[in-house]
Amino acid sequence: FDNMLKSIFKTATFKQSLITFTGSILNGLLGGLFYIFVARELGPQDFGLLTISIVSLTLISDVADIGVNTGLIRFVSSNLLKNEVKAMQFLKLSLEIKIVVWILVFMSVFLFSPFLAEEIFHKTELILPLRLVAFGVGGALLFSFATSTLQAYQKYFLWSGVNIISNFLRLIFVLILSYLLSLNLNSSLFVFIILPFFGFFMTMLILPAKKIISASGEVALSKELFRYNIPIAIFTLIAAISSRL
């Protein structure tokens, strides 16, 4: 029995699971500290508006991903060793899809922010936060691309590190803003949405960015990717909406 336990503890799966679990705990703690501090600084009304904005950002990002992250992990991880060129094509295609979707979402949400704020939420003060959300969706999509790519490469330590550093800096920035200036709804939301962009660019320094960007012929893989993504995207849409009702 002892030998069996030792063999389990030595497996790559156990080590990766331990890294992922530890990273998730630390991320949760940092996220909790961020929300506790911001709630105390903003007060009930503005923190409520911040929560609405963050929930909207998360919901839109989940739906806008259209299953790309899952498809990315599936196809990149299966091709890395046997066909690296195809893996790079899938990465570039996934990144291009996310950028195009972000542009469409940004224009739509930015344009309809007054309608959403006044008719859906009945809060005119949400117009600017919702427009920041439209920008922040891009950060969320790019950040999830980066973290999903690290998962596809099975770089779980780096995956945890990028998440932890991003959440830690988010907490540090609101502390600095609170000390130097008056922390408000829009500045808190801006800090929340800007750090994923930092996480994305930081991860691209680790990944083979030149190979991804220089890959060609990725459009030919669209049918294969979307055939796999569509059922996942539908399920994600239903799950995202149901969890927030």
C-alpha atoms as a PDB file:
ATOM      1  CA  PHE A   1       0.000   0.000   0.000  1.00  0.00           C
ATOM      2  CA  ASP A   2       2.837   2.406   0.897  1.00  0.00           C
ATOM      3  CA  ASN A   3       4.539   1.656  -2.390  1.00  0.00           C
ATOM      4  CA  MET A   4       1.314   2.321  -4.247  1.00  0.00           C
ATOM      5  CA  LEU A   5       0.924   5.709  -2.532  1.00  0.00           C
ATOM      6  CA  LYS A   6       4.527   6.615  -3.308  1.00  0.00           C
ATOM      7  CA  SER A   7       4.036   5.695  -6.953  1.00  0.00           C
ATOM      8  CA  ILE A   8       0.907   7.852  -7.090  1.00  0.00           C
ATOM      9  CA  PHE A   9       2.680  10.819  -5.503  1.00  0.00           C
ATOM     10  CA  LYS A  10       5.456  10.538  -8.083  1.00  0.00           C
ATOM     11  CA  THR A  11       3.151  10.617 -11.104  1.00  0.00           C
ATOM     12  CA  ALA A  12       3.003  13.698 -13.316  1.00  0.00           C
ATOM     13  CA  THR A  13      -0.778  13.752 -12.956  1.00  0.00           C
ATOM     14  CA  PHE A  14      -0.570  14.074  -9.170  1.00  0.00           C
ATOM     15  CA  LYS A  15       2.068  16.808  -9.370  1.00  0.00           C
ATOM     16  CA  GLN A  16       0.047  18.745 -11.944  1.00  0.00           C
ATOM     17  CA  SER A  17      -3.115  18.362  -9.878  1.00  0.00           C
ATOM     18  CA  LEU A  18      -1.297  19.592  -6.769  1.00  0.00           C
ATOM     19  CA  ILE A  19       0.049  22.629  -8.627  1.00  0.00           C
ATOM     20  CA  THR A  20      -3.392  23.397 -10.056  1.00  0.00           C
ATOM     21  CA  PHE A  21      -5.097  22.971  -6.683  1.00  0.00           C
ATOM     22  CA  THR A  22      -2.566  25.152  -4.874  1.00  0.00           C
ATOM     23  CA  GLY A  23      -2.770  27.820  -7.574  1.00  0.00           C
ATOM     24  CA  SER A  24      -6.572  27.822  -7.403  1.00  0.00           C
ATOM     25  CA  ILE A  25      -6.495  28.262  -3.612  1.00  0.00           C
ATOM     26  CA  LEU A  26      -4.074  31.192  -3.834  1.00  0.00           C
ATOM     27  CA  ASN A  27      -6.098  32.768  -6.635  1.00  0.00           C
ATOM     28  CA  GLY A  28      -9.240  32.432  -4.564  1.00  0.00           C
ATOM     29  CA  LEU A  29      -7.606  34.090  -1.574  1.00  0.00           C
ATOM     30  CA  LEU A  30      -6.255  36.981  -3.652  1.00  0.00           C
ATOM     31  CA  GLY A  31      -9.608  37.409  -5.387  1.00  0.00           C
ATOM     32  CA  GLY A  32     -11.381  37.387  -2.035  1.00  0.00           C
ATOM     33  CA  LEU A  33      -9.046  40.052  -0.647  1.00  0.00           C
ATOM     34  CA  PHE A  34      -9.646  42.183  -3.745  1.00  0.00           C
ATOM     35  CA  TYR A  35     -13.432  42.052  -3.353  1.00  0.00           C
ATOM     36  CA  ILE A  36     -13.333  42.605   0.420  1.00  0.00           C
ATOM     37  CA  PHE A  37     -11.106  45.660   0.107  1.00  0.00           C
ATOM     38  CA  VAL A  38     -13.014  47.165  -2.815  1.00  0.00           C
ATOM     39  CA  ALA A  39     -16.355  46.572  -1.059  1.00  0.00           C
ATOM     40  CA  ARG A  40     -15.126  48.487   1.997  1.00  0.00           C
ATOM     41  CA  GLU A  41     -13.819  51.369  -0.112  1.00  0.00           C
ATOM     42  CA  LEU A  42     -16.756  51.767  -2.488  1.00  0.00           C
ATOM     43  CA  GLY A  43     -19.701  51.194  -0.197  1.00  0.00           C
ATOM     44  CA  PRO A  44     -22.864  49.172  -0.923  1.00  0.00           C
ATOM     45  CA  GLN A  45     -24.200  51.136  -3.916  1.00  0.00           C
ATOM     46  CA  ASP A  46     -21.026  51.427  -5.994  1.00  0.00           C
ATOM     47  CA  PHE A  47     -19.894  47.930  -5.074  1.00  0.00           C
ATOM     48  CA  GLY A  48     -23.258  46.643  -6.279  1.00  0.00           C
ATOM     49  CA  LEU A  49     -22.724  48.402  -9.596  1.00  0.00           C
ATOM     50  CA  LEU A  50     -19.194  46.993  -9.771  1.00  0.00           C
ATOM     51  CA  THR A  51     -20.559  43.491  -9.176  1.00  0.00           C
ATOM     52  CA  ILE A  52     -23.119  43.918 -11.948  1.00  0.00           C
ATOM     53  CA  SER A  53     -20.364  45.079 -14.300  1.00  0.00           C
ATOM     54  CA  ILE A  54     -18.053  42.171 -13.445  1.00  0.00           C
ATOM     55  CA  VAL A  55     -20.844  39.611 -13.752  1.00  0.00           C
ATOM     56  CA  SER A  56     -21.791  41.104 -17.132  1.00  0.00           C
ATOM     57  CA  LEU A  57     -18.166  40.935 -18.264  1.00  0.00           C
ATOM     58  CA  THR A  58     -17.845  37.315 -17.158  1.00  0.00           C
ATOM     59  CA  LEU A  59     -21.116  36.272 -18.792  1.00  0.00           C
ATOM     60  CA  ILE A  60     -20.331  38.005 -22.081  1.00  0.00           C
ATOM     61  CA  SER A  61     -16.799  36.567 -22.119  1.00  0.00           C
ATOM     62  CA  ASP A  62     -18.046  33.040 -21.435  1.00  0.00           C
ATOM     63  CA  VAL A  63     -20.515  33.237 -24.303  1.00  0.00           C
ATOM     64  CA  ALA A  64     -18.152  35.098 -26.655  1.00  0.00           C
ATOM     65  CA  ASP A  65     -15.526  32.386 -26.285  1.00  0.00           C
ATOM     66  CA  ILE A  66     -17.832  30.062 -28.319  1.00  0.00           C
ATOM     67  CA  GLY A  67     -15.924  27.025 -27.114  1.00  0.00           C
ATOM     68  CA  VAL A  68     -12.569  28.165 -28.518  1.00  0.00           C
ATOM     69  CA  ASN A  69     -10.649  27.455 -25.312  1.00  0.00           C
ATOM     70  CA  THR A  70     -11.802  23.844 -25.165  1.00  0.00           C
ATOM     71  CA  GLY A  71     -11.065  23.310 -28.838  1.00  0.00           C
ATOM     72  CA  LEU A  72      -7.664  24.952 -28.461  1.00  0.00           C
ATOM     73  CA  ILE A  73      -6.639  22.611 -25.651  1.00  0.00           C
ATOM     74  CA  ARG A  74      -8.010  19.592 -27.514  1.00  0.00           C
ATOM     75  CA  PHE A  75      -6.305  20.192 -30.874  1.00  0.00           C
ATOM     76  CA  VAL A  76      -3.096  21.890 -29.793  1.00  0.00           C
ATOM     77  CA  SER A  77      -2.194  19.308 -27.168  1.00  0.00           C
ATOM     78  CA  SER A  78      -2.877  16.439 -29.580  1.00  0.00           C
ATOM     79  CA  ASN A  79      -0.709  17.972 -32.326  1.00  0.00           C
ATOM     80  CA  LEU A  80       2.216  19.460 -30.422  1.00  0.00           C
ATOM     81  CA  LEU A  81       4.422  16.388 -30.684  1.00  0.00           C
ATOM     82  CA  LYS A  82       3.311  14.852 -33.964  1.00  0.00           C
ATOM     83  CA  ASN A  83       2.566  18.006 -36.000  1.00  0.00           C
ATOM     84  CA  GLU A  84       3.820  21.259 -34.470  1.00  0.00           C
ATOM     85  CA  VAL A  85       2.928  23.278 -37.586  1.00  0.00           C
ATOM     86  CA  LYS A  86      -0.721  22.261 -37.246  1.00  0.00           C
ATOM     87  CA  ALA A  87      -0.629  23.079 -33.534  1.00  0.00           C
ATOM     88  CA  MET A  88       0.606  26.596 -34.354  1.00  0.00           C
ATOM     89  CA  GLN A  89      -2.145  26.942 -36.957  1.00  0.00           C
ATOM     90  CA  PHE A  90      -4.789  26.062 -34.369  1.00  0.00           C
ATOM     91  CA  LEU A  91      -3.284  28.567 -31.948  1.00  0.00           C
ATOM     92  CA  LYS A  92      -3.270  31.353 -34.515  1.00  0.00           C
ATOM     93  CA  LEU A  93      -6.808  30.509 -35.649  1.00  0.00           C
ATOM     94  CA  SER A  94      -8.046  30.555 -32.046  1.00  0.00           C
ATOM     95  CA  LEU A  95      -6.378  33.902 -31.415  1.00  0.00           C
ATOM     96  CA  GLU A  96      -7.836  35.402 -34.595  1.00  0.00           C
ATOM     97  CA  ILE A  97     -11.331  34.195 -33.708  1.00  0.00           C
ATOM     98  CA  LYS A  98     -11.078  35.757 -30.264  1.00  0.00           C
ATOM     99  CA  ILE A  99      -9.911  39.091 -31.670  1.00  0.00           C
ATOM    100  CA  VAL A 100     -12.708  39.192 -34.263  1.00  0.00           C
ATOM    101  CA  VAL A 101     -15.334  38.258 -31.670  1.00  0.00           C
ATOM    102  CA  TRP A 102     -13.967  40.915 -29.318  1.00  0.00           C
ATOM    103  CA  ILE A 103     -14.301  43.600 -31.999  1.00  0.00           C
ATOM    104  CA  LEU A 104     -17.916  42.594 -32.656  1.00  0.00           C
ATOM    105  CA  VAL A 105     -18.746  42.454 -28.947  1.00  0.00           C
ATOM    106  CA  PHE A 106     -17.016  45.762 -28.270  1.00  0.00           C
ATOM    107  CA  MET A 107     -18.958  47.593 -30.970  1.00  0.00           C
ATOM    108  CA  SER A 108     -22.268  46.027 -29.906  1.00  0.00           C
ATOM    109  CA  VAL A 109     -21.950  46.565 -26.159  1.00  0.00           C
ATOM    110  CA  PHE A 110     -20.430  50.037 -26.546  1.00  0.00           C
ATOM    111  CA  LEU A 111     -23.259  51.098 -28.847  1.00  0.00           C
ATOM    112  CA  PHE A 112     -26.062  49.616 -26.755  1.00  0.00           C
ATOM    113  CA  SER A 113     -24.661  50.570 -23.339  1.00  0.00           C
ATOM    114  CA  PRO A 114     -27.187  53.394 -22.826  1.00  0.00           C
ATOM    115  CA  PHE A 115     -30.078  51.066 -23.659  1.00  0.00           C
ATOM    116  CA  LEU A 116     -28.772  48.291 -21.399  1.00  0.00           C
ATOM    117  CA  ALA A 117     -28.100  50.680 -18.523  1.00  0.00           C
ATOM    118  CA  GLU A 118     -31.447  52.466 -18.727  1.00  0.00           C
ATOM    119  CA  GLU A 119     -33.864  49.767 -19.901  1.00  0.00           C
ATOM    120  CA  ILE A 120     -32.365  46.539 -18.533  1.00  0.00           C
ATOM    121  CA  PHE A 121     -30.579  47.584 -15.329  1.00  0.00           C
ATOM    122  CA  HIS A 122     -32.457  50.887 -14.783  1.00  0.00           C
ATOM    123  CA  LYS A 123     -29.187  52.508 -13.744  1.00  0.00           C
ATOM    124  CA  THR A 124     -27.949  55.334 -15.974  1.00  0.00           C
ATOM    125  CA  GLU A 125     -24.681  55.381 -14.009  1.00  0.00           C
ATOM    126  CA  LEU A 126     -23.861  52.009 -15.571  1.00  0.00           C
ATOM    127  CA  ILE A 127     -23.344  53.464 -19.059  1.00  0.00           C
ATOM    128  CA  LEU A 128     -19.611  54.098 -18.623  1.00  0.00           C
ATOM    129  CA  PRO A 129     -18.962  50.861 -16.662  1.00  0.00           C
ATOM    130  CA  LEU A 130     -20.660  48.851 -19.404  1.00  0.00           C
ATOM    131  CA  ARG A 131     -18.476  50.532 -21.994  1.00  0.00           C
ATOM    132  CA  LEU A 132     -15.460  49.576 -19.912  1.00  0.00           C
ATOM    133  CA  VAL A 133     -16.870  46.050 -19.829  1.00  0.00           C
ATOM    134  CA  ALA A 134     -16.957  46.076 -23.641  1.00  0.00           C
ATOM    135  CA  PHE A 135     -13.236  46.796 -23.590  1.00  0.00           C
ATOM    136  CA  GLY A 136     -12.604  44.325 -20.782  1.00  0.00           C
ATOM    137  CA  VAL A 137     -14.130  41.431 -22.716  1.00  0.00           C
ATOM    138  CA  GLY A 138     -11.062  41.569 -24.938  1.00  0.00           C
ATOM    139  CA  GLY A 139      -8.766  41.157 -21.958  1.00  0.00           C
ATOM    140  CA  ALA A 140     -10.782  38.222 -20.688  1.00  0.00           C
ATOM    141  CA  LEU A 141     -10.730  36.507 -24.104  1.00  0.00           C
ATOM    142  CA  LEU A 142      -7.010  37.072 -24.620  1.00  0.00           C
ATOM    143  CA  PHE A 143      -6.161  36.013 -21.084  1.00  0.00           C
ATOM    144  CA  SER A 144      -8.155  32.791 -21.455  1.00  0.00           C
ATOM    145  CA  PHE A 145      -6.324  32.160 -24.737  1.00  0.00           C
ATOM    146  CA  ALA A 146      -3.013  32.487 -22.894  1.00  0.00           C
ATOM    147  CA  THR A 147      -3.980  30.257 -19.974  1.00  0.00           C
ATOM    148  CA  SER A 148      -5.596  27.649 -22.230  1.00  0.00           C
ATOM    149  CA  THR A 149      -2.428  27.546 -24.325  1.00  0.00           C
ATOM    150  CA  LEU A 150      -0.358  26.951 -21.186  1.00  0.00           C
ATOM    151  CA  GLN A 151      -2.713  24.096 -20.331  1.00  0.00           C
ATOM    152  CA  ALA A 152      -2.305  22.657 -23.825  1.00  0.00           C
ATOM    153  CA  TYR A 153       1.475  22.775 -23.299  1.00  0.00           C
ATOM    154  CA  GLN A 154       0.927  21.189 -19.860  1.00  0.00           C
ATOM    155  CA  LYS A 155       2.776  24.073 -18.232  1.00  0.00           C
ATOM    156  CA  TYR A 156       0.628  24.013 -15.117  1.00  0.00           C
ATOM    157  CA  PHE A 157       3.172  25.751 -12.909  1.00  0.00           C
ATOM    158  CA  LEU A 158       3.325  28.688 -15.306  1.00  0.00           C
ATOM    159  CA  TRP A 159      -0.479  28.589 -15.620  1.00  0.00           C
ATOM    160  CA  SER A 160      -0.792  28.993 -11.861  1.00  0.00           C
ATOM    161  CA  GLY A 161       1.949  31.629 -11.807  1.00  0.00           C
ATOM    162  CA  VAL A 162       0.299  33.823 -14.437  1.00  0.00           C
ATOM    163  CA  ASN A 163      -3.044  33.678 -12.615  1.00  0.00           C
ATOM    164  CA  ILE A 164      -1.501  34.394  -9.225  1.00  0.00           C
ATOM    165  CA  ILE A 165       0.647  37.282 -10.462  1.00  0.00           C
ATOM    166  CA  SER A 166      -2.312  38.869 -12.278  1.00  0.00           C
ATOM    167  CA  ASN A 167      -4.572  38.648  -9.212  1.00  0.00           C
ATOM    168  CA  PHE A 168      -1.797  39.837  -6.915  1.00  0.00           C
ATOM    169  CA  LEU A 169      -1.086  42.895  -9.078  1.00  0.00           C
ATOM    170  CA  ARG A 170      -4.814  43.623  -9.276  1.00  0.00           C
ATOM    171  CA  LEU A 171      -4.934  43.755  -5.472  1.00  0.00           C
ATOM    172  CA  ILE A 172      -1.757  45.872  -5.269  1.00  0.00           C
ATOM    173  CA  PHE A 173      -3.081  48.372  -7.819  1.00  0.00           C
ATOM    174  CA  VAL A 174      -6.356  48.997  -5.955  1.00  0.00           C
ATOM    175  CA  LEU A 175      -4.360  49.457  -2.746  1.00  0.00           C
ATOM    176  CA  ILE A 176      -2.126  52.020  -4.465  1.00  0.00           C
ATOM    177  CA  LEU A 177      -5.096  53.809  -6.023  1.00  0.00           C
ATOM    178  CA  SER A 178      -6.854  53.905  -2.690  1.00  0.00           C
ATOM    179  CA  TYR A 179      -3.778  55.403  -1.033  1.00  0.00           C
ATOM    180  CA  LEU A 180      -2.902  57.953  -3.728  1.00  0.00           C
ATOM    181  CA  LEU A 181      -6.365  58.790  -5.046  1.00  0.00           C
ATOM    182  CA  SER A 182      -9.974  58.179  -4.202  1.00  0.00           C
ATOM    183  CA  LEU A 183     -10.938  54.677  -5.337  1.00  0.00           C
ATOM    184  CA  ASN A 184     -14.259  54.735  -7.177  1.00  0.00           C
ATOM    185  CA  LEU A 185     -16.432  52.484  -9.322  1.00  0.00           C
ATOM    186  CA  ASN A 186     -14.756  53.216 -12.642  1.00  0.00           C
ATOM    187  CA  SER A 187     -11.166  53.084 -11.388  1.00  0.00           C
ATOM    188  CA  SER A 188     -11.856  49.787  -9.584  1.00  0.00           C
ATOM    189  CA  LEU A 189     -13.407  48.332 -12.728  1.00  0.00           C
ATOM    190  CA  PHE A 190     -10.525  49.600 -14.860  1.00  0.00           C
ATOM    191  CA  VAL A 191      -8.011  47.840 -12.600  1.00  0.00           C
ATOM    192  CA  PHE A 192     -10.080  44.668 -12.810  1.00  0.00           C
ATOM    193  CA  ILE A 193     -10.179  44.637 -16.616  1.00  0.00           C
ATOM    194  CA  ILE A 194      -6.639  45.850 -17.413  1.00  0.00           C
ATOM    195  CA  LEU A 195      -4.693  43.103 -15.627  1.00  0.00           C
ATOM    196  CA  PRO A 196      -5.840  40.282 -17.969  1.00  0.00           C
ATOM    197  CA  PHE A 197      -4.191  42.176 -20.836  1.00  0.00           C
ATOM    198  CA  PHE A 198      -0.986  42.217 -18.815  1.00  0.00           C
ATOM    199  CA  GLY A 199      -1.350  38.489 -18.167  1.00  0.00           C
ATOM    200  CA  PHE A 200      -1.810  37.834 -21.881  1.00  0.00           C
ATOM    201  CA  PHE A 201       1.291  39.768 -22.947  1.00  0.00           C
ATOM    202  CA  MET A 202       3.321  38.262 -20.115  1.00  0.00           C
ATOM    203  CA  THR A 203       2.336  34.762 -21.268  1.00  0.00           C
ATOM    204  CA  MET A 204       3.135  35.528 -24.893  1.00  0.00           C
ATOM    205  CA  LEU A 205       6.728  36.157 -23.789  1.00  0.00           C
ATOM    206  CA  ILE A 206       6.803  32.559 -22.547  1.00  0.00           C
ATOM    207  CA  LEU A 207       5.032  30.989 -25.524  1.00  0.00           C
ATOM    208  CA  PRO A 208       6.498  30.681 -29.050  1.00  0.00           C
ATOM    209  CA  ALA A 209       4.763  33.878 -30.136  1.00  0.00           C
ATOM    210  CA  LYS A 210       6.736  34.199 -33.392  1.00  0.00           C
ATOM    211  CA  LYS A 211       5.730  30.701 -34.501  1.00  0.00           C
ATOM    212  CA  ILE A 212       2.090  31.381 -33.670  1.00  0.00           C
ATOM    213  CA  ILE A 213       1.939  34.704 -35.499  1.00  0.00           C
ATOM    214  CA  SER A 214       3.893  33.474 -38.553  1.00  0.00           C
ATOM    215  CA  ALA A 215       1.764  30.330 -38.983  1.00  0.00           C
ATOM    216  CA  SER A 216      -0.168  30.239 -42.269  1.00  0.00           C
ATOM    217  CA  GLY A 217      -3.055  28.220 -43.637  1.00  0.00           C
ATOM    218  CA  GLU A 218      -4.949  28.325 -40.362  1.00  0.00           C
ATOM    219  CA  VAL A 219      -8.262  29.228 -42.014  1.00  0.00           C
ATOM    220  CA  ALA A 220      -8.422  25.755 -43.563  1.00  0.00           C
ATOM    221  CA  LEU A 221      -8.770  24.337 -40.040  1.00  0.00           C
ATOM    222  CA  SER A 222     -11.857  26.428 -39.245  1.00  0.00           C
ATOM    223  CA  LYS A 223     -14.316  23.680 -40.130  1.00  0.00           C
ATOM    224  CA  GLU A 224     -12.544  21.149 -37.930  1.00  0.00           C
ATOM    225  CA  LEU A 225     -12.372  23.559 -35.004  1.00  0.00           C
ATOM    226  CA  PHE A 226     -15.968  24.754 -35.236  1.00  0.00           C
ATOM    227  CA  ARG A 227     -17.333  21.236 -35.660  1.00  0.00           C
ATOM    228  CA  TYR A 228     -15.863  20.516 -32.260  1.00  0.00           C
ATOM    229  CA  ASN A 229     -16.691  23.934 -30.737  1.00  0.00           C
ATOM    230  CA  ILE A 230     -20.349  24.415 -31.606  1.00  0.00           C
ATOM    231  CA  PRO A 231     -21.824  21.822 -29.188  1.00  0.00           C
ATOM    232  CA  ILE A 232     -19.526  23.116 -26.432  1.00  0.00           C
ATOM    233  CA  ALA A 233     -20.493  26.720 -27.194  1.00  0.00           C
ATOM    234  CA  ILE A 234     -24.205  25.884 -26.928  1.00  0.00           C
ATOM    235  CA  PHE A 235     -23.681  24.065 -23.639  1.00  0.00           C
ATOM    236  CA  THR A 236     -21.553  26.948 -22.307  1.00  0.00           C
ATOM    237  CA  LEU A 237     -24.251  29.465 -23.254  1.00  0.00           C
ATOM    238  CA  ILE A 238     -26.940  27.493 -21.443  1.00  0.00           C
ATOM    239  CA  ALA A 239     -24.744  26.907 -18.396  1.00  0.00           C
ATOM    240  CA  ALA A 240     -23.593  30.529 -18.206  1.00  0.00           C
ATOM    241  CA  ILE A 241     -27.126  31.893 -18.382  1.00  0.00           C
ATOM    242  CA  SER A 242     -28.543  29.301 -15.962  1.00  0.00           C
ATOM    243  CA  SER A 243     -25.833  29.907 -13.355  1.00  0.00           C
ATOM    244  CA  ARG A 244     -26.643  33.621 -13.259  1.00  0.00           C
ATOM    245  CA  LEU A 245     -30.427  33.451 -13.206  1.00  0.00           C
END
